[in-house]
Amino acid sequence: GLLALMLLHHARRAARTASDGSLV
């Protein structure tokens, strides 16, 4: 369960910040 949770969150990491570093 923990591994699945990490993978699902990490999958979104590239989209969490804009090019200027601001949070999305």
PDB file of all heavy atoms in Angstrom:
ATOM      1  N   GLY A   1       0.813  -1.207   0.000  1.00  0.00           N
ATOM      2  CA  GLY A   1       0.000   0.000   0.000  1.00  0.00           C
ATOM      3  C   GLY A   1       0.847   1.258   0.000  1.00  0.00           C
ATOM      4  O   GLY A   1       0.553   2.224  -0.724  1.00  0.00           O
ATOM      5  N   LEU A   2       1.920   1.266   0.801  1.00  0.00           N
ATOM      6  CA  LEU A   2       2.796   2.439   0.839  1.00  0.00           C
ATOM      7  C   LEU A   2       3.513   2.624  -0.492  1.00  0.00           C
ATOM      8  O   LEU A   2       3.637   3.753  -0.990  1.00  0.00           O
ATOM      9  CB  LEU A   2       3.811   2.299   1.965  1.00  0.00           C
ATOM     10  CG  LEU A   2       4.808   3.465   2.088  1.00  0.00           C
ATOM     11  CD1 LEU A   2       4.090   4.789   2.302  1.00  0.00           C
ATOM     12  CD2 LEU A   2       5.804   3.210   3.216  1.00  0.00           C
ATOM     13  N   LEU A   3       3.995   1.535  -1.088  1.00  0.00           N
ATOM     14  CA  LEU A   3       4.666   1.652  -2.379  1.00  0.00           C
ATOM     15  C   LEU A   3       3.707   2.201  -3.433  1.00  0.00           C
ATOM     16  O   LEU A   3       4.064   3.086  -4.221  1.00  0.00           O
ATOM     17  CB  LEU A   3       5.219   0.297  -2.813  1.00  0.00           C
ATOM     18  CG  LEU A   3       5.929   0.265  -4.174  1.00  0.00           C
ATOM     19  CD1 LEU A   3       7.073   1.267  -4.218  1.00  0.00           C
ATOM     20  CD2 LEU A   3       6.437  -1.145  -4.476  1.00  0.00           C
ATOM     21  N   ALA A   4       2.468   1.694  -3.453  1.00  0.00           N
ATOM     22  CA  ALA A   4       1.471   2.190  -4.409  1.00  0.00           C
ATOM     23  C   ALA A   4       1.209   3.680  -4.189  1.00  0.00           C
ATOM     24  O   ALA A   4       1.133   4.464  -5.146  1.00  0.00           O
ATOM     25  CB  ALA A   4       0.172   1.399  -4.264  1.00  0.00           C
ATOM     26  N   LEU A   5       1.077   4.077  -2.934  1.00  0.00           N
ATOM     27  CA  LEU A   5       0.833   5.487  -2.611  1.00  0.00           C
ATOM     28  C   LEU A   5       1.965   6.372  -3.125  1.00  0.00           C
ATOM     29  O   LEU A   5       1.730   7.423  -3.752  1.00  0.00           O
ATOM     30  CB  LEU A   5       0.683   5.643  -1.097  1.00  0.00           C
ATOM     31  CG  LEU A   5       0.557   7.065  -0.552  1.00  0.00           C
ATOM     32  CD1 LEU A   5      -0.701   7.732  -1.067  1.00  0.00           C
ATOM     33  CD2 LEU A   5       0.572   7.053   0.977  1.00  0.00           C
ATOM     34  N   MET A   6       3.204   5.949  -2.875  1.00  0.00           N
ATOM     35  CA  MET A   6       4.349   6.733  -3.336  1.00  0.00           C
ATOM     36  C   MET A   6       4.364   6.854  -4.858  1.00  0.00           C
ATOM     37  O   MET A   6       4.585   7.941  -5.410  1.00  0.00           O
ATOM     38  CB  MET A   6       5.647   6.083  -2.854  1.00  0.00           C
ATOM     39  CG  MET A   6       5.900   6.194  -1.366  1.00  0.00           C
ATOM     40  SD  MET A   6       7.457   5.356  -0.937  1.00  0.00           S
ATOM     41  CE  MET A   6       7.607   5.781   0.803  1.00  0.00           C
ATOM     42  N   LEU A   7       4.131   5.740  -5.545  1.00  0.00           N
ATOM     43  CA  LEU A   7       4.186   5.762  -7.003  1.00  0.00           C
ATOM     44  C   LEU A   7       3.096   6.660  -7.581  1.00  0.00           C
ATOM     45  O   LEU A   7       3.330   7.421  -8.533  1.00  0.00           O
ATOM     46  CB  LEU A   7       4.040   4.340  -7.556  1.00  0.00           C
ATOM     47  CG  LEU A   7       5.181   3.374  -7.215  1.00  0.00           C
ATOM     48  CD1 LEU A   7       4.858   1.971  -7.714  1.00  0.00           C
ATOM     49  CD2 LEU A   7       6.496   3.860  -7.796  1.00  0.00           C
ATOM     50  N   LEU A   8       1.898   6.595  -7.014  1.00  0.00           N
ATOM     51  CA  LEU A   8       0.785   7.399  -7.523  1.00  0.00           C
ATOM     52  C   LEU A   8       1.026   8.892  -7.299  1.00  0.00           C
ATOM     53  O   LEU A   8       0.689   9.717  -8.159  1.00  0.00           O
ATOM     54  CB  LEU A   8      -0.519   6.953  -6.859  1.00  0.00           C
ATOM     55  CG  LEU A   8      -1.010   5.570  -7.308  1.00  0.00           C
ATOM     56  CD1 LEU A   8      -2.083   5.046  -6.356  1.00  0.00           C
ATOM     57  CD2 LEU A   8      -1.566   5.644  -8.737  1.00  0.00           C
ATOM     58  N   HIS A   9       1.598   9.249  -6.169  1.00  0.00           N
ATOM     59  CA  HIS A   9       1.918  10.656  -5.924  1.00  0.00           C
ATOM     60  C   HIS A   9       3.099  11.108  -6.784  1.00  0.00           C
ATOM     61  O   HIS A   9       3.081  12.206  -7.348  1.00  0.00           O
ATOM     62  CB  HIS A   9       2.237  10.878  -4.444  1.00  0.00           C
ATOM     63  CG  HIS A   9       1.028  11.072  -3.595  1.00  0.00           C
ATOM     64  ND1 HIS A   9       0.120  12.078  -3.802  1.00  0.00           N
ATOM     65  CD2 HIS A   9       0.569  10.376  -2.525  1.00  0.00           C
ATOM     66  CE1 HIS A   9      -0.850  12.005  -2.891  1.00  0.00           C
ATOM     67  NE2 HIS A   9      -0.598  10.975  -2.119  1.00  0.00           N
ATOM     68  N   HIS A  10       4.115  10.263  -6.858  1.00  0.00           N
ATOM     69  CA  HIS A  10       5.311  10.629  -7.623  1.00  0.00           C
ATOM     70  C   HIS A  10       4.988  10.780  -9.109  1.00  0.00           C
ATOM     71  O   HIS A  10       5.655  11.550  -9.812  1.00  0.00           O
ATOM     72  CB  HIS A  10       6.388   9.567  -7.418  1.00  0.00           C
ATOM     73  CG  HIS A  10       7.781  10.098  -7.589  1.00  0.00           C
ATOM     74  ND1 HIS A  10       8.293  11.124  -6.820  1.00  0.00           N
ATOM     75  CD2 HIS A  10       8.775   9.755  -8.445  1.00  0.00           C
ATOM     76  CE1 HIS A  10       9.537  11.379  -7.187  1.00  0.00           C
ATOM     77  NE2 HIS A  10       9.850  10.566  -8.166  1.00  0.00           N
ATOM     78  N   ALA A  11       3.981  10.065  -9.581  1.00  0.00           N
ATOM     79  CA  ALA A  11       3.594  10.154 -10.991  1.00  0.00           C
ATOM     80  C   ALA A  11       3.150  11.560 -11.371  1.00  0.00           C
ATOM     81  O   ALA A  11       3.234  11.953 -12.541  1.00  0.00           O
ATOM     82  CB  ALA A  11       2.462   9.155 -11.267  1.00  0.00           C
ATOM     83  N   ARG A  12       2.681  12.345 -10.391  1.00  0.00           N
ATOM     84  CA  ARG A  12       2.189  13.695 -10.674  1.00  0.00           C
ATOM     85  C   ARG A  12       3.247  14.773 -10.455  1.00  0.00           C
ATOM     86  O   ARG A  12       2.981  15.955 -10.642  1.00  0.00           O
ATOM     87  CB  ARG A  12       0.980  14.009  -9.768  1.00  0.00           C
ATOM     88  CG  ARG A  12      -0.168  13.045  -9.904  1.00  0.00           C
ATOM     89  CD  ARG A  12      -1.467  13.633  -9.367  1.00  0.00           C
ATOM     90  NE  ARG A  12      -1.407  14.045  -7.981  1.00  0.00           N
ATOM     91  CZ  ARG A  12      -1.899  13.349  -6.959  1.00  0.00           C
ATOM     92  NH1 ARG A  12      -2.472  12.185  -7.189  1.00  0.00           N
ATOM     93  NH2 ARG A  12      -1.824  13.813  -5.724  1.00  0.00           N
ATOM     94  N   ARG A  13       4.436  14.370 -10.050  1.00  0.00           N
ATOM     95  CA  ARG A  13       5.412  15.359  -9.595  1.00  0.00           C
ATOM     96  C   ARG A  13       5.794  16.366 -10.676  1.00  0.00           C
ATOM     97  O   ARG A  13       5.936  17.561 -10.395  1.00  0.00           O
ATOM     98  CB  ARG A  13       6.657  14.660  -9.066  1.00  0.00           C
ATOM     99  CG  ARG A  13       7.615  15.637  -8.399  1.00  0.00           C
ATOM    100  CD  ARG A  13       8.692  14.955  -7.615  1.00  0.00           C
ATOM    101  NE  ARG A  13       9.432  15.925  -6.809  1.00  0.00           N
ATOM    102  CZ  ARG A  13      10.415  15.615  -6.000  1.00  0.00           C
ATOM    103  NH1 ARG A  13      10.795  14.361  -5.883  1.00  0.00           N
ATOM    104  NH2 ARG A  13      11.040  16.540  -5.298  1.00  0.00           N
ATOM    105  N   ALA A  14       5.959  15.924 -11.902  1.00  0.00           N
ATOM    106  CA  ALA A  14       6.381  16.839 -12.969  1.00  0.00           C
ATOM    107  C   ALA A  14       5.366  17.943 -13.216  1.00  0.00           C
ATOM    108  O   ALA A  14       5.722  19.027 -13.690  1.00  0.00           O
ATOM    109  CB  ALA A  14       6.619  16.052 -14.261  1.00  0.00           C
ATOM    110  N   ALA A  15       4.105  17.669 -12.902  1.00  0.00           N
ATOM    111  CA  ALA A  15       3.040  18.644 -13.157  1.00  0.00           C
ATOM    112  C   ALA A  15       2.761  19.544 -11.960  1.00  0.00           C
ATOM    113  O   ALA A  15       1.931  20.451 -12.053  1.00  0.00           O
ATOM    114  CB  ALA A  15       1.754  17.912 -13.550  1.00  0.00           C
ATOM    115  N   ARG A  16       3.431  19.313 -10.841  1.00  0.00           N
ATOM    116  CA  ARG A  16       3.119  20.056  -9.617  1.00  0.00           C
ATOM    117  C   ARG A  16       3.712  21.461  -9.579  1.00  0.00           C
ATOM    118  O   ARG A  16       3.313  22.285  -8.767  1.00  0.00           O
ATOM    119  CB  ARG A  16       3.606  19.285  -8.379  1.00  0.00           C
ATOM    120  CG  ARG A  16       2.832  18.022  -8.108  1.00  0.00           C
ATOM    121  CD  ARG A  16       3.298  17.354  -6.825  1.00  0.00           C
ATOM    122  NE  ARG A  16       2.867  18.106  -5.648  1.00  0.00           N
ATOM    123  CZ  ARG A  16       3.686  18.693  -4.782  1.00  0.00           C
ATOM    124  NH1 ARG A  16       4.990  18.649  -4.982  1.00  0.00           N
ATOM    125  NH2 ARG A  16       3.214  19.335  -3.737  1.00  0.00           N
ATOM    126  N   THR A  17       4.686  21.738 -10.444  1.00  0.00           N
ATOM    127  CA  THR A  17       5.289  23.067 -10.476  1.00  0.00           C
ATOM    128  C   THR A  17       5.336  23.590 -11.904  1.00  0.00           C
ATOM    129  O   THR A  17       5.496  22.828 -12.859  1.00  0.00           O
ATOM    130  CB  THR A  17       6.717  23.048  -9.897  1.00  0.00           C
ATOM    131  OG1 THR A  17       7.498  22.063 -10.600  1.00  0.00           O
ATOM    132  CG2 THR A  17       6.696  22.706  -8.417  1.00  0.00           C
ATOM    133  N   ALA A  18       5.187  24.902 -12.036  1.00  0.00           N
ATOM    134  CA  ALA A  18       5.291  25.554 -13.338  1.00  0.00           C
ATOM    135  C   ALA A  18       6.763  25.812 -13.661  1.00  0.00           C
ATOM    136  O   ALA A  18       7.654  25.561 -12.854  1.00  0.00           O
ATOM    137  CB  ALA A  18       4.504  26.857 -13.315  1.00  0.00           C
ATOM    138  N   SER A  19       7.015  26.350 -14.846  1.00  0.00           N
ATOM    139  CA  SER A  19       8.396  26.584 -15.271  1.00  0.00           C
ATOM    140  C   SER A  19       9.117  27.587 -14.380  1.00  0.00           C
ATOM    141  O   SER A  19      10.344  27.564 -14.275  1.00  0.00           O
ATOM    142  CB  SER A  19       8.411  27.078 -16.721  1.00  0.00           C
ATOM    143  OG  SER A  19       7.622  28.256 -16.852  1.00  0.00           O
ATOM    144  N   ASP A  20       8.351  28.476 -13.721  1.00  0.00           N
ATOM    145  CA  ASP A  20       8.964  29.455 -12.830  1.00  0.00           C
ATOM    146  C   ASP A  20       9.105  28.949 -11.401  1.00  0.00           C
ATOM    147  O   ASP A  20       9.503  29.676 -10.495  1.00  0.00           O
ATOM    148  CB  ASP A  20       8.165  30.766 -12.829  1.00  0.00           C
ATOM    149  CG  ASP A  20       6.734  30.573 -12.333  1.00  0.00           C
ATOM    150  OD1 ASP A  20       6.341  29.424 -12.021  1.00  0.00           O
ATOM    151  OD2 ASP A  20       5.991  31.579 -12.277  1.00  0.00           O
ATOM    152  N   GLY A  21       8.755  27.671 -11.176  1.00  0.00           N
ATOM    153  CA  GLY A  21       8.880  27.076  -9.853  1.00  0.00           C
ATOM    154  C   GLY A  21       7.666  27.222  -8.968  1.00  0.00           C
ATOM    155  O   GLY A  21       7.635  26.685  -7.860  1.00  0.00           O
ATOM    156  N   SER A  22       6.643  27.915  -9.444  1.00  0.00           N
ATOM    157  CA  SER A  22       5.437  28.103  -8.637  1.00  0.00           C
ATOM    158  C   SER A  22       4.613  26.824  -8.595  1.00  0.00           C
ATOM    159  O   SER A  22       4.649  26.005  -9.524  1.00  0.00           O
ATOM    160  CB  SER A  22       4.590  29.245  -9.200  1.00  0.00           C
ATOM    161  OG  SER A  22       4.192  28.962 -10.529  1.00  0.00           O
ATOM    162  N   LEU A  23       3.860  26.644  -7.501  1.00  0.00           N
ATOM    163  CA  LEU A  23       3.034  25.449  -7.341  1.00  0.00           C
ATOM    164  C   LEU A  23       1.829  25.489  -8.262  1.00  0.00           C
ATOM    165  O   LEU A  23       1.242  26.541  -8.502  1.00  0.00           O
ATOM    166  CB  LEU A  23       2.551  25.335  -5.892  1.00  0.00           C
ATOM    167  CG  LEU A  23       3.594  25.005  -4.822  1.00  0.00           C
ATOM    168  CD1 LEU A  23       2.914  24.904  -3.458  1.00  0.00           C
ATOM    169  CD2 LEU A  23       4.289  23.697  -5.142  1.00  0.00           C
ATOM    170  N   VAL A  24       1.466  24.306  -8.765  1.00  0.00           N
ATOM    171  CA  VAL A  24       0.261  24.157  -9.580  1.00  0.00           C
ATOM    172  C   VAL A  24      -0.703  23.251  -8.826  1.00  0.00           C
ATOM    173  O   VAL A  24      -0.402  22.082  -8.602  1.00  0.00           O
ATOM    174  CB  VAL A  24       0.584  23.544 -10.961  1.00  0.00           C
ATOM    175  CG1 VAL A  24      -0.707  23.421 -11.788  1.00  0.00           C
ATOM    176  CG2 VAL A  24       1.625  24.382 -11.693  1.00  0.00           C
TER     177      VAL A  24
END
